[in-house]
Every structure is written in structure tokens, then in C-alpha cells.
Amino acid sequence: MSLTFPAGAVSEVNAGYSAGSLILDISASGSVSDPSAALIGTILIPPGPGAQGSGSGKGSANVHHGSIKLYASNSITANLSLIPTSIDRESIVEFHGIFYDTVTVTAPGVLGGTPIIIVPVISTDYSFNGSASGVTDEASHAAPSFGITVLRNTGVDGNDYQQRNKSCFFSAAFPSAPCPFPALDTWVLAPITVLCGVPFDLSVNAAAAAGVRTIPGGSASSGADLSSTINWLGVAAVTLTNQTVLSDYTFASESGFNYGVKLQAVSNAAPTLTLELPDPETTTICWPTVPLQIYRLESRTNLNVGSWAMVGDLVVGDGSPICQGYPITGSARFYRVAKVPNP
């Protein structure tokens, strides 16, 4: 028995503000059948009493199928005369967005129920800001962050759960490390196994958070901006379990969004292999990668003759080096890496 969720887009917001005896919590949620509709607009956290200090937070969430847009900001000031001075003043604002869908992958000539491996790609466009001042200990700080979670339930291997997080920390006690510059990151997900012609449930959840904390005499502010976008870009590879790359396939979804857009590598640069020996029984082969490029590692026992045999599985580059370790068998072995055309 399989459980199928209806296509939808949902947004949720949680906010908490604490200043001495004042504790304020705000929560709201909404859902729409129109994927292009905005769900929840700006929500304000009112300032605390002047005798205690003040704080404010705001944010927004807009969810489409294949896209999530989030923004969260927060600030807090604690008056020097606060009593008791041992109570930290802290606040966190979080905005969540989730799109979920039912997806079916088919390919001509592939029997229904045959396992198919897909390699999806998501992009994130984000920036952070923050400050902390007034006190010289670690109690005054700002911490914006965001996280993305991808979940699918196919019944093939149960739930597949993948997560990516980014964060930043501003402190009044010491110089804070540089925050990530505003960046467009491409996230190549780990391969997902589905069944040809069998619907599976897919969801993508994102959260933007802006947290601040201080003690009397201090202030802090932070912001996490994903208002540009989080986008489901498409797939870098679709293969059978025997590593055969499929170039003809269809992604159908209940919402009508096309999750199967074919993506191409951005460069044709030839990779250079490096070999490391971390211990007497293991060899590690590494090579630089180009985002979205599919690679196949091959080996043979003679440099000049014989067939090259595939080693391991196909891998998709994300711009960072790939390293794979293999046991040393005692006989000489030569390796090469081949670029596999995208679908």
C-alpha cells in the first residue's frame, strides 16, 4: 500500500521573543491550491516594554512548486538598567516553506517497476547580515542561518532524507569569522532510486532563521535572506542500476511542474587524477569536478592493452573534488576517469 499526498505548497512561520518576564510567541500557517500564490506576508514581533529593552522581527515566505522564497530578520536591545541582569534577552524568528508533490518517471523501453536512478539538482541564492555590540562576552551574538531538506518516499528503500545547512555567527566578544558572501550555490543531491511508472512522493522544505541574544547593555541584530530563491533546477543524470544513462525520459507530476529538466555540464575541461596511499592496504583516487558533469572511473591491469572496466558507480560533480578509496589487491592497476555525456 502506498500513501500519496496531493500536490500542494505550504508555508509556516514561528517566532519567539523573550525579554525578562515578557515572552511572546507567534505562529501561523497556510496552504494554497494555486502554486503561484503568496502564502504569508510580513509578520511583526512587537517591541518589548521600554524598561526591559526592545526587540523586533519580521519575515516573509512565498512558495511555488519547485521554488521557495524566504526572508527573516531580527533585532534586540537590552537596557543597561535591566533587573535582574543575569537574564539573557534572546529572540529567534523562523520562516518555513515546503512544496510537496507526487511524481512519476517513465522511459521508453523500460518496463514498469524497473528501478531508475535520478540525480536531482537544487540551487540556493542567499545572503546573511548581522551585528552584536555593547557587551564583551559571548552572551551578545547574532546567528542567521538557513536549511534545506529534501525528502522522498518511494517504497524502494524507504524514506530518503537529505539536508543542507548554512549559517553565520556575529559576536561582541571577539572578531567574527567572515560570513559566506552572497552566493548562488548549486546542490547536487545524492542519487535517488525510484521505480519506472510508479508514483512517488517528493517534498522540499526550507527554513530561514534569524537568532539574537544579549545581556543588559548590549544589542544584536541578524538577518537571513533567501528572498531571491531556492529552485529545483532539474536532473543531471537519469540511469538504470547497471549505470546505463537514459537520454529519453519523462517526469510527470500532479502539480504539472517539470522536475525532470535536463541539465548540462558547464565546462569540457579534462580532469586530472591524483593517487594517494592513506595506508598500505588502500589507494584513494581523486579528481577535480565540474558542476553537473557525469564521471565514470575505470581501471585495468595493463596500461597499454585490455579493456577498461568501470569501478564503482557513476558520480556527478558539484565543483568540489571527488575521492574514492579502493583496496590494494597486490597486482598493478591503472586508472582513468571518463566524462559521460549528460542526457
Foldseek 3Di string as FASTA:
>chain_A
DDDFDAWWKKKKKWKWWDFPPDIDIDIDIFIDPAQQDFTDQWDWDFFDDPQRWTKMKIKGWGGHVFKIFIKIKMKTAGAQPDPPQVDKTKIKIKIKIKTKWKKAKAFPPDDFFAKKKFWWKKKFFKAKDKEKEFDQDQQWKKKKKKKKWKWKAAVPVGIDIDMDMAMFMYGHNDHGDDGDHGDIAMDTDDIDIHTHGGIMMIMMMMMIMIMTMDTHRMMMMMIMGRRVIMGGDATLFMAGPVQHTGPGMAMQISSRDGRHDYDFFPDDDFWDWDWDDPDPFKIKIKIFATASWKKWKWKDQDPPDDDTDTDDHIDGHRGGMDMDMDTDPPGHMDMDMDTDGTD
